Amino acid sequence: MSRIVTFEATQPTPVTVGTETKWICACGLSKNKPFCDGTHKACKTEESGKVYRYNLDGTRTEVTA
């Protein structure tokens, strides 16, 4: 069974252990999960209130009802 998972975050989440900080992907687009690879920058031009689908090649389309 497949499922649709939605993400609303557009920035990574910092996690600090001792003196070391790692950035954890929160947008769902990183190809290096669980770590951030900067792909969240594609989210900056998303319009509020709209839903987008990102393809494996990084292109996105708006999801309409």
C-alpha atoms as a PDB file:
ATOM      1  CA  MET A   1       0.000   0.000   0.000  1.00  0.00           C
ATOM      2  CA  SER A   2       1.320   3.439  -0.851  1.00  0.00           C
ATOM      3  CA  ARG A   3       0.533   6.587   1.081  1.00  0.00           C
ATOM      4  CA  ILE A   4       0.736  10.317   0.652  1.00  0.00           C
ATOM      5  CA  VAL A   5       2.846  12.112   3.242  1.00  0.00           C
ATOM      6  CA  THR A   6       2.628  15.887   3.443  1.00  0.00           C
ATOM      7  CA  PHE A   7       5.296  18.229   4.776  1.00  0.00           C
ATOM      8  CA  GLU A   8       4.750  21.852   5.730  1.00  0.00           C
ATOM      9  CA  ALA A   9       8.241  22.738   6.936  1.00  0.00           C
ATOM     10  CA  THR A  10      10.458  24.747   4.610  1.00  0.00           C
ATOM     11  CA  GLN A  11      13.620  24.679   6.724  1.00  0.00           C
ATOM     12  CA  PRO A  12      15.714  21.993   8.404  1.00  0.00           C
ATOM     13  CA  THR A  13      15.625  21.315  12.134  1.00  0.00           C
ATOM     14  CA  PRO A  14      18.898  21.756  14.038  1.00  0.00           C
ATOM     15  CA  VAL A  15      19.825  18.984  16.477  1.00  0.00           C
ATOM     16  CA  THR A  16      22.769  19.606  18.793  1.00  0.00           C
ATOM     17  CA  VAL A  17      24.551  16.864  20.711  1.00  0.00           C
ATOM     18  CA  GLY A  18      27.381  18.187  22.826  1.00  0.00           C
ATOM     19  CA  THR A  19      29.132  20.753  20.658  1.00  0.00           C
ATOM     20  CA  GLU A  20      28.114  19.280  17.304  1.00  0.00           C
ATOM     21  CA  THR A  21      25.029  20.483  15.416  1.00  0.00           C
ATOM     22  CA  LYS A  22      23.445  18.472  12.601  1.00  0.00           C
ATOM     23  CA  TRP A  23      20.633  19.728  10.396  1.00  0.00           C
ATOM     24  CA  ILE A  24      17.756  17.273   9.976  1.00  0.00           C
ATOM     25  CA  CYS A  25      15.537  17.440   6.890  1.00  0.00           C
ATOM     26  CA  ALA A  26      12.038  18.635   7.743  1.00  0.00           C
ATOM     27  CA  CYS A  27      10.799  19.451   4.226  1.00  0.00           C
ATOM     28  CA  GLY A  28      10.944  15.850   3.001  1.00  0.00           C
ATOM     29  CA  LEU A  29      12.912  16.669  -0.153  1.00  0.00           C
ATOM     30  CA  SER A  30      16.485  15.814   0.889  1.00  0.00           C
ATOM     31  CA  LYS A  31      18.221  13.027  -0.999  1.00  0.00           C
ATOM     32  CA  ASN A  32      20.450  12.537   2.060  1.00  0.00           C
ATOM     33  CA  LYS A  33      17.767  11.825   4.694  1.00  0.00           C
ATOM     34  CA  PRO A  34      17.663  12.203   7.588  1.00  0.00           C
ATOM     35  CA  PHE A  35      20.153  15.013   6.973  1.00  0.00           C
ATOM     36  CA  CYS A  36      19.475  18.257   5.140  1.00  0.00           C
ATOM     37  CA  ASP A  37      21.122  18.690   1.731  1.00  0.00           C
ATOM     38  CA  GLY A  38      19.746  22.182   1.017  1.00  0.00           C
ATOM     39  CA  THR A  39      16.933  21.023  -1.256  1.00  0.00           C
ATOM     40  CA  HIS A  40      14.435  22.914   0.936  1.00  0.00           C
ATOM     41  CA  LYS A  41      15.434  26.055  -0.965  1.00  0.00           C
ATOM     42  CA  ALA A  42      12.968  24.910  -3.650  1.00  0.00           C
ATOM     43  CA  CYS A  43      10.157  25.533  -1.126  1.00  0.00           C
ATOM     44  CA  LYS A  44      10.852  29.270  -0.888  1.00  0.00           C
ATOM     45  CA  THR A  45       8.674  30.098  -3.896  1.00  0.00           C
ATOM     46  CA  GLU A  46       5.690  27.998  -2.832  1.00  0.00           C
ATOM     47  CA  GLU A  47       2.476  29.956  -2.421  1.00  0.00           C
ATOM     48  CA  SER A  48       0.708  29.775   0.928  1.00  0.00           C
ATOM     49  CA  GLY A  49      -2.447  27.661   0.907  1.00  0.00           C
ATOM     50  CA  LYS A  50      -1.419  25.606  -2.132  1.00  0.00           C
ATOM     51  CA  VAL A  51      -0.335  21.961  -2.227  1.00  0.00           C
ATOM     52  CA  TYR A  52       2.575  20.825  -4.383  1.00  0.00           C
ATOM     53  CA  ARG A  53       3.889  17.467  -5.552  1.00  0.00           C
ATOM     54  CA  TYR A  54       7.641  17.181  -6.065  1.00  0.00           C
ATOM     55  CA  ASN A  55       8.936  14.699  -8.630  1.00  0.00           C
ATOM     56  CA  LEU A  56      12.151  12.728  -8.208  1.00  0.00           C
ATOM     57  CA  ASP A  57      13.950  15.118 -10.567  1.00  0.00           C
ATOM     58  CA  GLY A  58      13.066  18.067  -8.286  1.00  0.00           C
ATOM     59  CA  THR A  59      10.371  19.587 -10.468  1.00  0.00           C
ATOM     60  CA  ARG A  60       7.059  20.376  -8.827  1.00  0.00           C
ATOM     61  CA  THR A  61       3.437  20.616  -9.844  1.00  0.00           C
ATOM     62  CA  GLU A  62       0.519  22.147  -8.010  1.00  0.00           C
ATOM     63  CA  VAL A  63      -2.048  19.631  -6.773  1.00  0.00           C
ATOM     64  CA  THR A  64      -5.597  20.695  -7.560  1.00  0.00           C
ATOM     65  CA  ALA A  65      -8.832  19.087  -6.422  1.00  0.00           C
END
